[in-house]
C-alpha atoms as a PDB file:
ATOM      1  CA  UNK A   1       0.000   0.000   0.000  1.00  0.00           C
ATOM      2  CA  UNK A   2       2.795   2.427   0.870  1.00  0.00           C
ATOM      3  CA  UNK A   3       4.531   1.984  -2.494  1.00  0.00           C
ATOM      4  CA  UNK A   4       1.260   2.776  -4.284  1.00  0.00           C
ATOM      5  CA  UNK A   5       0.916   5.930  -2.222  1.00  0.00           C
ATOM      6  CA  UNK A   6       4.548   6.907  -2.907  1.00  0.00           C
ATOM      7  CA  UNK A   7       4.035   6.308  -6.618  1.00  0.00           C
ATOM      8  CA  UNK A   8       0.909   8.482  -6.588  1.00  0.00           C
ATOM      9  CA  UNK A   9       2.783  11.258  -4.775  1.00  0.00           C
ATOM     10  CA  UNK A  10       5.692  11.069  -7.238  1.00  0.00           C
ATOM     11  CA  UNK A  11       3.277  11.214 -10.162  1.00  0.00           C
ATOM     12  CA  UNK A  12       1.539  14.239  -8.639  1.00  0.00           C
ATOM     13  CA  UNK A  13       4.902  15.986  -8.121  1.00  0.00           C
ATOM     14  CA  UNK A  14       5.949  15.253 -11.709  1.00  0.00           C
ATOM     15  CA  UNK A  15       2.634  16.664 -12.921  1.00  0.00           C
ATOM     16  CA  UNK A  16       3.146  19.799 -10.812  1.00  0.00           C
ATOM     17  CA  UNK A  17       6.679  20.265 -12.171  1.00  0.00           C
ATOM     18  CA  UNK A  18       5.474  19.770 -15.742  1.00  0.00           C
ATOM     19  CA  UNK A  19       2.698  22.327 -15.186  1.00  0.00           C
ATOM     20  CA  UNK A  20       5.189  24.807 -13.706  1.00  0.00           C
ATOM     21  CA  UNK A  21       7.600  24.262 -16.601  1.00  0.00           C
ATOM     22  CA  UNK A  22       4.752  24.834 -19.096  1.00  0.00           C
ATOM     23  CA  UNK A  23       3.650  27.996 -17.256  1.00  0.00           C
ATOM     24  CA  UNK A  24       7.169  29.440 -17.167  1.00  0.00           C
ATOM     25  CA  UNK A  25       7.767  28.558 -20.813  1.00  0.00           C
ATOM     26  CA  UNK A  26       4.569  30.367 -21.814  1.00  0.00           C
ATOM     27  CA  UNK A  27       5.618  33.418 -19.762  1.00  0.00           C
ATOM     28  CA  UNK A  28       9.070  33.636 -21.359  1.00  0.00           C
ATOM     29  CA  UNK A  29       9.499  36.463 -23.835  1.00  0.00           C
ATOM     30  CA  UNK A  30      11.984  38.562 -25.739  1.00  0.00           C
ATOM     31  CA  UNK A  31      13.107  41.864 -24.275  1.00  0.00           C
ATOM     32  CA  UNK A  32      15.807  44.407 -25.137  1.00  0.00           C
ATOM     33  CA  UNK A  33      18.367  45.609 -22.608  1.00  0.00           C
ATOM     34  CA  UNK A  34      16.872  49.126 -22.214  1.00  0.00           C
ATOM     35  CA  UNK A  35      13.688  47.561 -20.795  1.00  0.00           C
ATOM     36  CA  UNK A  36      15.772  45.482 -18.362  1.00  0.00           C
ATOM     37  CA  UNK A  37      17.896  48.329 -17.023  1.00  0.00           C
ATOM     38  CA  UNK A  38      15.472  49.334 -14.273  1.00  0.00           C
ATOM     39  CA  UNK A  39      15.402  45.731 -13.037  1.00  0.00           C
ATOM     40  CA  UNK A  40      19.211  45.652 -13.143  1.00  0.00           C
ATOM     41  CA  UNK A  41      19.267  48.848 -11.055  1.00  0.00           C
ATOM     42  CA  UNK A  42      17.096  47.080  -8.448  1.00  0.00           C
ATOM     43  CA  UNK A  43      19.568  44.163  -8.374  1.00  0.00           C
ATOM     44  CA  UNK A  44      17.098  41.501  -9.480  1.00  0.00           C
ATOM     45  CA  UNK A  45      18.517  40.489 -12.881  1.00  0.00           C
ATOM     46  CA  UNK A  46      20.030  37.007 -12.947  1.00  0.00           C
ATOM     47  CA  UNK A  47      22.058  36.055 -16.014  1.00  0.00           C
ATOM     48  CA  UNK A  48      21.724  32.458 -17.246  1.00  0.00           C
ATOM     49  CA  UNK A  49      24.531  31.135 -19.434  1.00  0.00           C
ATOM     50  CA  UNK A  50      23.696  29.862 -22.925  1.00  0.00           C
ATOM     51  CA  UNK A  51      24.750  26.363 -21.853  1.00  0.00           C
ATOM     52  CA  UNK A  52      21.736  26.119 -19.531  1.00  0.00           C
ATOM     53  CA  UNK A  53      18.055  25.862 -20.349  1.00  0.00           C
ATOM     54  CA  UNK A  54      16.412  29.123 -19.228  1.00  0.00           C
ATOM     55  CA  UNK A  55      13.054  27.520 -18.432  1.00  0.00           C
ATOM     56  CA  UNK A  56      14.686  24.653 -16.530  1.00  0.00           C
ATOM     57  CA  UNK A  57      16.666  27.127 -14.429  1.00  0.00           C
ATOM     58  CA  UNK A  58      13.544  29.212 -13.799  1.00  0.00           C
ATOM     59  CA  UNK A  59      11.690  26.082 -12.726  1.00  0.00           C
ATOM     60  CA  UNK A  60      14.393  25.235 -10.176  1.00  0.00           C
ATOM     61  CA  UNK A  61      14.456  28.814  -8.890  1.00  0.00           C
ATOM     62  CA  UNK A  62      10.665  28.846  -8.547  1.00  0.00           C
ATOM     63  CA  UNK A  63      10.743  25.508  -6.689  1.00  0.00           C
ATOM     64  CA  UNK A  64      13.491  26.833  -4.380  1.00  0.00           C
ATOM     65  CA  UNK A  65      15.795  23.962  -5.395  1.00  0.00           C
ATOM     66  CA  UNK A  66      18.730  25.536  -3.575  1.00  0.00           C
ATOM     67  CA  UNK A  67      21.254  22.735  -4.100  1.00  0.00           C
ATOM     68  CA  UNK A  68      20.850  22.731  -7.893  1.00  0.00           C
ATOM     69  CA  UNK A  69      20.784  26.532  -8.131  1.00  0.00           C
ATOM     70  CA  UNK A  70      23.926  26.729  -5.957  1.00  0.00           C
ATOM     71  CA  UNK A  71      25.650  24.145  -8.164  1.00  0.00           C
ATOM     72  CA  UNK A  72      24.894  26.191 -11.279  1.00  0.00           C
ATOM     73  CA  UNK A  73      26.111  29.338  -9.555  1.00  0.00           C
ATOM     74  CA  UNK A  74      29.315  27.638  -8.390  1.00  0.00           C
ATOM     75  CA  UNK A  75      29.941  26.443 -11.959  1.00  0.00           C
ATOM     76  CA  UNK A  76      29.391  29.965 -13.339  1.00  0.00           C
ATOM     77  CA  UNK A  77      26.191  29.013 -15.131  1.00  0.00           C
ATOM     78  CA  UNK A  78      24.111  31.708 -13.520  1.00  0.00           C
ATOM     79  CA  UNK A  79      24.454  34.653 -11.229  1.00  0.00           C
ATOM     80  CA  UNK A  80      23.564  38.272 -10.689  1.00  0.00           C
ATOM     81  CA  UNK A  81      24.234  40.486 -13.686  1.00  0.00           C
ATOM     82  CA  UNK A  82      27.203  42.744 -13.029  1.00  0.00           C
ATOM     83  CA  UNK A  83      28.177  46.245 -14.153  1.00  0.00           C
ATOM     84  CA  UNK A  84      30.629  44.967 -16.783  1.00  0.00           C
ATOM     85  CA  UNK A  85      27.915  42.841 -18.404  1.00  0.00           C
ATOM     86  CA  UNK A  86      25.414  45.700 -18.210  1.00  0.00           C
ATOM     87  CA  UNK A  87      27.819  48.078 -19.966  1.00  0.00           C
ATOM     88  CA  UNK A  88      28.416  45.524 -22.720  1.00  0.00           C
ATOM     89  CA  UNK A  89      24.702  44.836 -23.164  1.00  0.00           C
ATOM     90  CA  UNK A  90      23.977  48.576 -23.247  1.00  0.00           C
ATOM     91  CA  UNK A  91      26.665  49.201 -25.895  1.00  0.00           C
ATOM     92  CA  UNK A  92      25.265  46.421 -28.090  1.00  0.00           C
ATOM     93  CA  UNK A  93      21.565  47.008 -27.286  1.00  0.00           C
ATOM     94  CA  UNK A  94      21.455  43.279 -26.587  1.00  0.00           C
ATOM     95  CA  UNK A  95      18.241  41.258 -26.705  1.00  0.00           C
ATOM     96  CA  UNK A  96      17.305  38.559 -24.241  1.00  0.00           C
ATOM     97  CA  UNK A  97      14.818  35.884 -23.445  1.00  0.00           C
ATOM     98  CA  UNK A  98      13.471  36.637 -19.994  1.00  0.00           C
ATOM     99  CA  UNK A  99      11.195  35.055 -17.444  1.00  0.00           C
ATOM    100  CA  UNK A 100      10.179  36.313 -14.023  1.00  0.00           C
ATOM    101  CA  UNK A 101      10.363  34.111 -10.952  1.00  0.00           C
ATOM    102  CA  UNK A 102       9.643  36.806  -8.394  1.00  0.00           C
ATOM    103  CA  UNK A 103      11.540  38.625  -7.230  1.00  0.00           C
ATOM    104  CA  UNK A 104      14.083  37.619  -9.885  1.00  0.00           C
ATOM    105  CA  UNK A 105      14.191  38.368 -13.604  1.00  0.00           C
ATOM    106  CA  UNK A 106      16.130  35.563 -15.268  1.00  0.00           C
ATOM    107  CA  UNK A 107      17.679  36.487 -18.613  1.00  0.00           C
ATOM    108  CA  UNK A 108      19.548  34.676 -21.349  1.00  0.00           C
ATOM    109  CA  UNK A 109      20.970  36.520 -24.315  1.00  0.00           C
ATOM    110  CA  UNK A 110      19.352  35.679 -27.645  1.00  0.00           C
ATOM    111  CA  UNK A 111      21.562  33.920 -30.138  1.00  0.00           C
ATOM    112  CA  UNK A 112      21.712  34.909 -33.811  1.00  0.00           C
ATOM    113  CA  UNK A 113      20.247  31.556 -34.852  1.00  0.00           C
ATOM    114  CA  UNK A 114      17.657  31.603 -32.077  1.00  0.00           C
ATOM    115  CA  UNK A 115      14.152  31.636 -33.499  1.00  0.00           C
ATOM    116  CA  UNK A 116      12.327  30.757 -30.286  1.00  0.00           C
ATOM    117  CA  UNK A 117      15.079  31.265 -27.743  1.00  0.00           C
ATOM    118  CA  UNK A 118      13.497  28.794 -25.383  1.00  0.00           C
ATOM    119  CA  UNK A 119      14.677  25.245 -25.077  1.00  0.00           C
ATOM    120  CA  UNK A 120      11.794  23.245 -23.777  1.00  0.00           C
END
């Protein structure tokens, strides 16, 4: 009986994660750096490296998966945007894919060959 209950709970959790991933994916959109500057000034912009999946990272942030988020941060895969990056993005008028997981705005720079920008 307990294994059936555990299986049901795991299935429910997987469904919740899939729903969250779908929600975040649908809320992800393109934005230019000038529209992000005020969020940068508030210190809430988190840069996600192109090697990571933006929606996957947002899902982990939203679920407060601290160990995974810390591992990505330790590996340099994500972290607060800094002044050097901001100056570069401003000079190039860079465009990003962005998703909000309050209070954070997670961004990933658009690639030239990036039609959708989201990897889901």
